[in-house]
Amino acid sequence: MSFPTTDYPDINKFVEKLTECIAEFAEEKGAYESIRSVSISCPSSSYKKYQPY
């Protein structure tokens, strides 16, 4: 499940959305008891924008 992080400039709104996505995923998979961690992948779309060279 993914969503654009740029839609959430307020960290609190981002955390709310992330929590909703995790809960939805866990419910769909019946995985509340087996989820041990969550990984966040940083998009590479900003690589060129912030590339120092």
C-alpha atoms as a PDB file:
ATOM      1  CA  MET A   1       0.000   0.000   0.000  1.00  0.00           C
ATOM      2  CA  SER A   2       1.423   3.379  -0.853  1.00  0.00           C
ATOM      3  CA  PHE A   3       0.527   7.050  -0.853  1.00  0.00           C
ATOM      4  CA  PRO A   4       2.410  10.202  -1.835  1.00  0.00           C
ATOM      5  CA  THR A   5       4.172  11.662   1.167  1.00  0.00           C
ATOM      6  CA  THR A   6       4.053  15.109  -0.393  1.00  0.00           C
ATOM      7  CA  ASP A   7       0.305  15.132   0.249  1.00  0.00           C
ATOM      8  CA  TYR A   8       1.083  15.346   3.977  1.00  0.00           C
ATOM      9  CA  PRO A   9       3.382  18.282   4.791  1.00  0.00           C
ATOM     10  CA  ASP A  10       2.107  18.133   8.399  1.00  0.00           C
ATOM     11  CA  ILE A  11       3.815  15.181  10.148  1.00  0.00           C
ATOM     12  CA  ASN A  12       0.719  14.531  12.270  1.00  0.00           C
ATOM     13  CA  LYS A  13      -1.441  14.063   9.167  1.00  0.00           C
ATOM     14  CA  PHE A  14       1.218  11.788   7.672  1.00  0.00           C
ATOM     15  CA  VAL A  15       1.254   9.623  10.804  1.00  0.00           C
ATOM     16  CA  GLU A  16      -2.556   9.447  10.757  1.00  0.00           C
ATOM     17  CA  LYS A  17      -2.536   8.282   7.130  1.00  0.00           C
ATOM     18  CA  LEU A  18       0.251   5.787   7.779  1.00  0.00           C
ATOM     19  CA  THR A  19      -1.650   4.381  10.760  1.00  0.00           C
ATOM     20  CA  GLU A  20      -4.818   4.030   8.658  1.00  0.00           C
ATOM     21  CA  CYS A  21      -2.894   2.179   5.933  1.00  0.00           C
ATOM     22  CA  ILE A  22      -1.247  -0.184   8.399  1.00  0.00           C
ATOM     23  CA  ALA A  23      -4.552  -0.952  10.108  1.00  0.00           C
ATOM     24  CA  GLU A  24      -6.284  -1.535   6.773  1.00  0.00           C
ATOM     25  CA  PHE A  25      -3.498  -3.835   5.591  1.00  0.00           C
ATOM     26  CA  ALA A  26      -3.474  -5.801   8.846  1.00  0.00           C
ATOM     27  CA  GLU A  27      -7.244  -6.192   8.736  1.00  0.00           C
ATOM     28  CA  GLU A  28      -7.219  -7.386   5.109  1.00  0.00           C
ATOM     29  CA  LYS A  29      -4.504  -9.954   5.827  1.00  0.00           C
ATOM     30  CA  GLY A  30      -5.714 -10.967   9.285  1.00  0.00           C
ATOM     31  CA  ALA A  31      -2.249 -10.027  10.474  1.00  0.00           C
ATOM     32  CA  TYR A  32      -2.712  -7.992  13.649  1.00  0.00           C
ATOM     33  CA  GLU A  33      -0.958 -10.654  15.717  1.00  0.00           C
ATOM     34  CA  SER A  34       1.888 -11.300  13.284  1.00  0.00           C
ATOM     35  CA  ILE A  35       3.008  -7.774  12.279  1.00  0.00           C
ATOM     36  CA  ARG A  36       6.271  -7.020  14.057  1.00  0.00           C
ATOM     37  CA  SER A  37       7.553  -3.973  12.185  1.00  0.00           C
ATOM     38  CA  VAL A  38       6.778  -1.457   9.466  1.00  0.00           C
ATOM     39  CA  SER A  39       9.200  -0.217   6.845  1.00  0.00           C
ATOM     40  CA  ILE A  40       9.048   3.167   5.155  1.00  0.00           C
ATOM     41  CA  SER A  41      10.710   3.480   1.789  1.00  0.00           C
ATOM     42  CA  CYS A  42      12.003   6.907   0.876  1.00  0.00           C
ATOM     43  CA  PRO A  43      11.120   7.769  -2.700  1.00  0.00           C
ATOM     44  CA  SER A  44      13.943   8.267  -5.146  1.00  0.00           C
ATOM     45  CA  SER A  45      11.905  10.823  -7.062  1.00  0.00           C
ATOM     46  CA  SER A  46      13.671  13.653  -5.254  1.00  0.00           C
ATOM     47  CA  TYR A  47      17.132  12.261  -6.027  1.00  0.00           C
ATOM     48  CA  LYS A  48      17.816  14.582  -8.949  1.00  0.00           C
ATOM     49  CA  LYS A  49      16.372  17.587  -7.175  1.00  0.00           C
ATOM     50  CA  TYR A  50      18.738  17.255  -4.212  1.00  0.00           C
ATOM     51  CA  GLN A  51      21.721  15.672  -5.923  1.00  0.00           C
ATOM     52  CA  PRO A  52      24.732  17.793  -4.903  1.00  0.00           C
ATOM     53  CA  TYR A  53      26.725  17.253  -8.107  1.00  0.00           C
END
